[in-house]
Amino acid sequence: MSETMKKDIWKKEAARACEQIRQLREAGYSQIELAEKLEVSEMTIRRWEYRRSLPNQKNIKKIKCLHPNLTGDRSEYSQDQSPADDQRGIEFVFWG
């Protein structure tokens, strides 16, 4: 795989991770809460949320693990249930 292809894949994964951050924020999580869980600064969360910067591979993996069921597509939630309705049931699980 060429370096250009690897970079394109990373950019797509990073964009999905930024979208997940945005969705978590919409679900009621504060930038501070997410920063603590991801072990980054609040400013970093803000930059990712507004796509002013992109997370590296290590942080992309952590973001993916924030909620195993969060796919980046809200269609998984019924119309009468939003992510906020799950009583903040996001699990923060990290694998080395």
N, C-alpha and C. Protein backbone atom coordinates (compact mmCIF):
# COMPACT_ATOMS: atom_id res chain seq x y z
N MET A 1 0.85 -1.17 0.00
CA MET A 1 0.00 0.00 0.00
C MET A 1 0.90 1.24 0.00
N SER A 2 0.59 2.17 -0.84
CA SER A 2 1.41 3.37 -0.95
C SER A 2 1.16 4.31 0.24
N GLU A 3 2.11 5.20 0.45
CA GLU A 3 1.98 6.17 1.55
C GLU A 3 0.77 7.08 1.33
N THR A 4 0.48 7.41 0.09
CA THR A 4 -0.67 8.25 -0.22
C THR A 4 -1.96 7.54 0.18
N MET A 5 -2.06 6.26 -0.13
CA MET A 5 -3.26 5.49 0.24
C MET A 5 -3.40 5.40 1.75
N LYS A 6 -2.28 5.17 2.46
CA LYS A 6 -2.31 5.10 3.92
C LYS A 6 -2.78 6.42 4.51
N LYS A 7 -2.30 7.51 3.95
CA LYS A 7 -2.68 8.83 4.44
C LYS A 7 -4.17 9.09 4.19
N ASP A 8 -4.67 8.67 3.03
CA ASP A 8 -6.09 8.84 2.72
C ASP A 8 -6.96 8.03 3.68
N ILE A 9 -6.54 6.82 4.00
CA ILE A 9 -7.29 5.97 4.94
C ILE A 9 -7.30 6.62 6.32
N TRP A 10 -6.13 7.11 6.77
CA TRP A 10 -6.06 7.78 8.06
C TRP A 10 -6.98 8.99 8.10
N LYS A 11 -7.00 9.79 7.04
CA LYS A 11 -7.86 10.97 7.00
C LYS A 11 -9.33 10.60 7.13
N LYS A 12 -9.74 9.53 6.47
CA LYS A 12 -11.14 9.07 6.56
C LYS A 12 -11.46 8.59 7.97
N GLU A 13 -10.55 7.81 8.55
CA GLU A 13 -10.75 7.32 9.92
C GLU A 13 -10.78 8.49 10.90
N ALA A 14 -9.90 9.45 10.71
CA ALA A 14 -9.85 10.61 11.59
C ALA A 14 -11.12 11.44 11.47
N ALA A 15 -11.63 11.59 10.25
CA ALA A 15 -12.88 12.34 10.05
C ALA A 15 -14.04 11.63 10.75
N ARG A 16 -14.08 10.30 10.69
CA ARG A 16 -15.13 9.55 11.39
C ARG A 16 -14.99 9.72 12.90
N ALA A 17 -13.76 9.72 13.39
CA ALA A 17 -13.53 9.90 14.83
C ALA A 17 -13.99 11.29 15.26
N CYS A 18 -13.72 12.31 14.45
CA CYS A 18 -14.18 13.67 14.77
C CYS A 18 -15.70 13.72 14.80
N GLU A 19 -16.33 13.01 13.89
CA GLU A 19 -17.80 12.95 13.87
C GLU A 19 -18.32 12.27 15.14
N GLN A 20 -17.64 11.23 15.59
CA GLN A 20 -18.05 10.57 16.83
C GLN A 20 -17.93 11.52 18.01
N ILE A 21 -16.88 12.31 18.05
CA ILE A 21 -16.72 13.30 19.11
C ILE A 21 -17.90 14.26 19.08
N ARG A 22 -18.25 14.74 17.90
CA ARG A 22 -19.37 15.66 17.76
C ARG A 22 -20.67 15.02 18.24
N GLN A 23 -20.88 13.76 17.89
CA GLN A 23 -22.10 13.07 18.31
C GLN A 23 -22.14 12.87 19.83
N LEU A 24 -21.00 12.55 20.41
CA LEU A 24 -20.95 12.41 21.87
C LEU A 24 -21.27 13.74 22.55
N ARG A 25 -20.76 14.82 21.98
CA ARG A 25 -21.06 16.14 22.53
C ARG A 25 -22.56 16.44 22.41
N GLU A 26 -23.17 16.09 21.29
CA GLU A 26 -24.61 16.29 21.11
C GLU A 26 -25.41 15.43 22.08
N ALA A 27 -24.85 14.30 22.46
CA ALA A 27 -25.52 13.39 23.40
C ALA A 27 -25.39 13.87 24.84
N GLY A 28 -24.67 14.97 25.06
CA GLY A 28 -24.61 15.55 26.39
C GLY A 28 -23.28 15.49 27.10
N TYR A 29 -22.27 14.92 26.47
CA TYR A 29 -20.96 14.85 27.12
C TYR A 29 -20.22 16.17 26.94
N SER A 30 -19.57 16.61 28.00
CA SER A 30 -18.82 17.87 27.93
C SER A 30 -17.44 17.61 27.33
N GLN A 31 -16.83 18.68 26.86
CA GLN A 31 -15.47 18.56 26.35
C GLN A 31 -14.53 18.10 27.44
N ILE A 32 -14.78 18.55 28.65
CA ILE A 32 -13.93 18.15 29.78
C ILE A 32 -14.04 16.65 30.03
N GLU A 33 -15.27 16.12 30.04
CA GLU A 33 -15.46 14.68 30.26
C GLU A 33 -14.73 13.86 29.20
N LEU A 34 -14.90 14.25 27.95
CA LEU A 34 -14.25 13.51 26.87
C LEU A 34 -12.73 13.63 26.94
N ALA A 35 -12.26 14.82 27.28
CA ALA A 35 -10.81 15.03 27.40
C ALA A 35 -10.23 14.12 28.48
N GLU A 36 -10.92 14.02 29.59
CA GLU A 36 -10.43 13.15 30.68
C GLU A 36 -10.41 11.70 30.25
N LYS A 37 -11.47 11.25 29.57
CA LYS A 37 -11.54 9.85 29.15
C LYS A 37 -10.49 9.52 28.09
N LEU A 38 -10.20 10.48 27.22
CA LEU A 38 -9.25 10.24 26.14
C LEU A 38 -7.82 10.65 26.50
N GLU A 39 -7.67 11.22 27.69
CA GLU A 39 -6.36 11.66 28.18
C GLU A 39 -5.71 12.68 27.24
N VAL A 40 -6.53 13.67 26.84
CA VAL A 40 -6.06 14.79 26.03
C VAL A 40 -6.61 16.07 26.66
N SER A 41 -6.21 17.21 26.13
CA SER A 41 -6.71 18.47 26.67
C SER A 41 -8.10 18.79 26.13
N GLU A 42 -8.77 19.66 26.86
CA GLU A 42 -10.09 20.13 26.41
C GLU A 42 -9.96 20.84 25.06
N MET A 43 -8.89 21.57 24.87
CA MET A 43 -8.64 22.27 23.60
C MET A 43 -8.53 21.27 22.45
N THR A 44 -7.91 20.12 22.71
CA THR A 44 -7.78 19.10 21.67
C THR A 44 -9.15 18.58 21.27
N ILE A 45 -10.02 18.33 22.25
CA ILE A 45 -11.39 17.88 21.95
C ILE A 45 -12.10 18.93 21.11
N ARG A 46 -11.96 20.18 21.48
CA ARG A 46 -12.59 21.28 20.74
C ARG A 46 -12.09 21.30 19.28
N ARG A 47 -10.79 21.14 19.11
CA ARG A 47 -10.22 21.14 17.75
C ARG A 47 -10.74 19.97 16.93
N TRP A 48 -10.84 18.80 17.54
CA TRP A 48 -11.37 17.65 16.82
C TRP A 48 -12.85 17.85 16.50
N GLU A 49 -13.59 18.36 17.47
CA GLU A 49 -15.03 18.55 17.28
C GLU A 49 -15.32 19.46 16.08
N TYR A 50 -14.52 20.49 15.94
CA TYR A 50 -14.70 21.44 14.84
C TYR A 50 -13.76 21.18 13.67
N ARG A 51 -13.08 20.04 13.70
CA ARG A 51 -12.17 19.57 12.64
C ARG A 51 -11.08 20.59 12.30
N ARG A 52 -10.59 21.24 13.33
CA ARG A 52 -9.45 22.14 13.13
C ARG A 52 -8.14 21.36 13.18
N SER A 53 -8.21 20.17 13.73
CA SER A 53 -7.08 19.24 13.70
C SER A 53 -7.68 17.83 13.72
N LEU A 54 -6.84 16.84 13.44
CA LEU A 54 -7.30 15.45 13.38
C LEU A 54 -6.53 14.61 14.39
N PRO A 55 -7.22 13.64 14.99
CA PRO A 55 -6.53 12.76 15.94
C PRO A 55 -5.56 11.81 15.24
N ASN A 56 -4.52 11.41 15.99
CA ASN A 56 -3.58 10.43 15.45
C ASN A 56 -4.19 9.03 15.59
N GLN A 57 -3.48 8.03 15.09
CA GLN A 57 -4.00 6.65 15.10
C GLN A 57 -4.32 6.16 16.51
N LYS A 58 -3.47 6.47 17.46
CA LYS A 58 -3.70 6.04 18.84
C LYS A 58 -5.02 6.62 19.37
N ASN A 59 -5.24 7.90 19.13
CA ASN A 59 -6.46 8.53 19.62
C ASN A 59 -7.69 8.11 18.82
N ILE A 60 -7.51 7.80 17.54
CA ILE A 60 -8.64 7.28 16.75
C ILE A 60 -9.13 5.99 17.38
N LYS A 61 -8.21 5.11 17.77
CA LYS A 61 -8.59 3.84 18.40
C LYS A 61 -9.33 4.08 19.71
N LYS A 62 -8.86 5.03 20.50
CA LYS A 62 -9.53 5.35 21.77
C LYS A 62 -10.94 5.87 21.53
N ILE A 63 -11.09 6.74 20.54
CA ILE A 63 -12.40 7.30 20.24
C ILE A 63 -13.36 6.21 19.79
N LYS A 64 -12.87 5.29 18.96
CA LYS A 64 -13.70 4.17 18.50
C LYS A 64 -14.20 3.33 19.67
N CYS A 65 -13.40 3.25 20.72
CA CYS A 65 -13.76 2.42 21.88
C CYS A 65 -14.69 3.13 22.86
N LEU A 66 -14.95 4.40 22.65
CA LEU A 66 -15.82 5.12 23.59
C LEU A 66 -17.20 4.49 23.66
N HIS A 67 -17.71 4.08 22.54
CA HIS A 67 -19.03 3.45 22.52
C HIS A 67 -19.05 2.46 21.37
N PRO A 68 -18.99 1.18 21.68
CA PRO A 68 -18.92 0.17 20.62
C PRO A 68 -20.09 0.24 19.64
N ASN A 69 -21.23 0.74 20.07
CA ASN A 69 -22.40 0.77 19.20
C ASN A 69 -22.54 2.07 18.41
N LEU A 70 -21.72 3.04 18.67
CA LEU A 70 -21.81 4.31 17.98
C LEU A 70 -21.06 4.19 16.67
N THR A 71 -21.79 4.25 15.56
CA THR A 71 -21.19 3.96 14.26
C THR A 71 -20.91 5.20 13.44
N GLY A 72 -21.33 6.35 13.91
CA GLY A 72 -21.21 7.55 13.09
C GLY A 72 -22.48 7.78 12.30
N ASP A 73 -23.45 6.88 12.45
CA ASP A 73 -24.73 6.99 11.76
C ASP A 73 -25.83 6.89 12.80
N ARG A 74 -26.64 7.91 12.91
CA ARG A 74 -27.67 7.95 13.94
C ARG A 74 -28.87 7.09 13.60
N SER A 75 -28.89 6.44 12.45
CA SER A 75 -30.04 5.65 12.05
C SER A 75 -30.25 4.45 12.96
N GLU A 76 -29.23 4.09 13.73
CA GLU A 76 -29.38 2.94 14.64
C GLU A 76 -30.33 3.24 15.80
N TYR A 77 -30.59 4.52 16.05
CA TYR A 77 -31.48 4.91 17.12
C TYR A 77 -32.88 5.10 16.56
N SER A 78 -33.87 4.60 17.26
CA SER A 78 -35.24 4.81 16.82
C SER A 78 -35.58 6.28 16.98
N GLN A 79 -36.66 6.70 16.34
CA GLN A 79 -37.04 8.10 16.39
C GLN A 79 -37.39 8.55 17.80
N ASP A 80 -37.89 7.64 18.61
CA ASP A 80 -38.25 8.03 19.97
C ASP A 80 -37.13 7.78 20.97
N GLN A 81 -35.96 7.36 20.50
CA GLN A 81 -34.82 7.17 21.38
C GLN A 81 -33.59 7.81 20.75
N SER A 82 -33.01 8.73 21.44
CA SER A 82 -31.78 9.37 20.97
C SER A 82 -30.63 8.87 21.84
N PRO A 83 -29.39 9.11 21.43
CA PRO A 83 -28.26 8.69 22.28
C PRO A 83 -28.33 9.29 23.68
N ALA A 84 -28.92 10.47 23.81
CA ALA A 84 -29.03 11.09 25.13
C ALA A 84 -30.02 10.33 26.01
N ASP A 85 -30.96 9.60 25.38
CA ASP A 85 -31.96 8.86 26.15
C ASP A 85 -31.39 7.61 26.82
N ASP A 86 -30.19 7.21 26.43
CA ASP A 86 -29.65 5.99 27.01
C ASP A 86 -28.99 6.26 28.36
N GLN A 87 -29.34 7.39 28.95
CA GLN A 87 -28.89 7.76 30.29
C GLN A 87 -27.38 7.75 30.37
N ARG A 88 -26.77 8.31 29.36
CA ARG A 88 -25.33 8.48 29.32
C ARG A 88 -24.61 7.14 29.50
N GLY A 89 -25.13 6.12 28.85
CA GLY A 89 -24.60 4.77 29.01
C GLY A 89 -23.42 4.46 28.12
N ILE A 90 -22.57 5.41 27.88
CA ILE A 90 -21.40 5.14 27.05
C ILE A 90 -20.31 4.53 27.91
N GLU A 91 -19.80 3.43 27.42
CA GLU A 91 -18.72 2.75 28.13
C GLU A 91 -17.39 3.25 27.59
N PHE A 92 -16.48 3.53 28.48
CA PHE A 92 -15.14 3.93 28.08
C PHE A 92 -14.22 2.76 28.33
N VAL A 93 -13.92 2.04 27.26
CA VAL A 93 -13.09 0.85 27.36
C VAL A 93 -11.90 1.04 26.42
N PHE A 94 -10.71 0.88 26.94
CA PHE A 94 -9.53 1.04 26.12
C PHE A 94 -8.74 -0.25 26.12
N TRP A 95 -8.27 -0.60 24.95
CA TRP A 95 -7.41 -1.75 24.81
C TRP A 95 -6.04 -1.26 24.39
N GLY A 96 -5.00 -1.83 24.98
CA GLY A 96 -3.63 -1.43 24.73
C GLY A 96 -3.27 -1.42 23.32
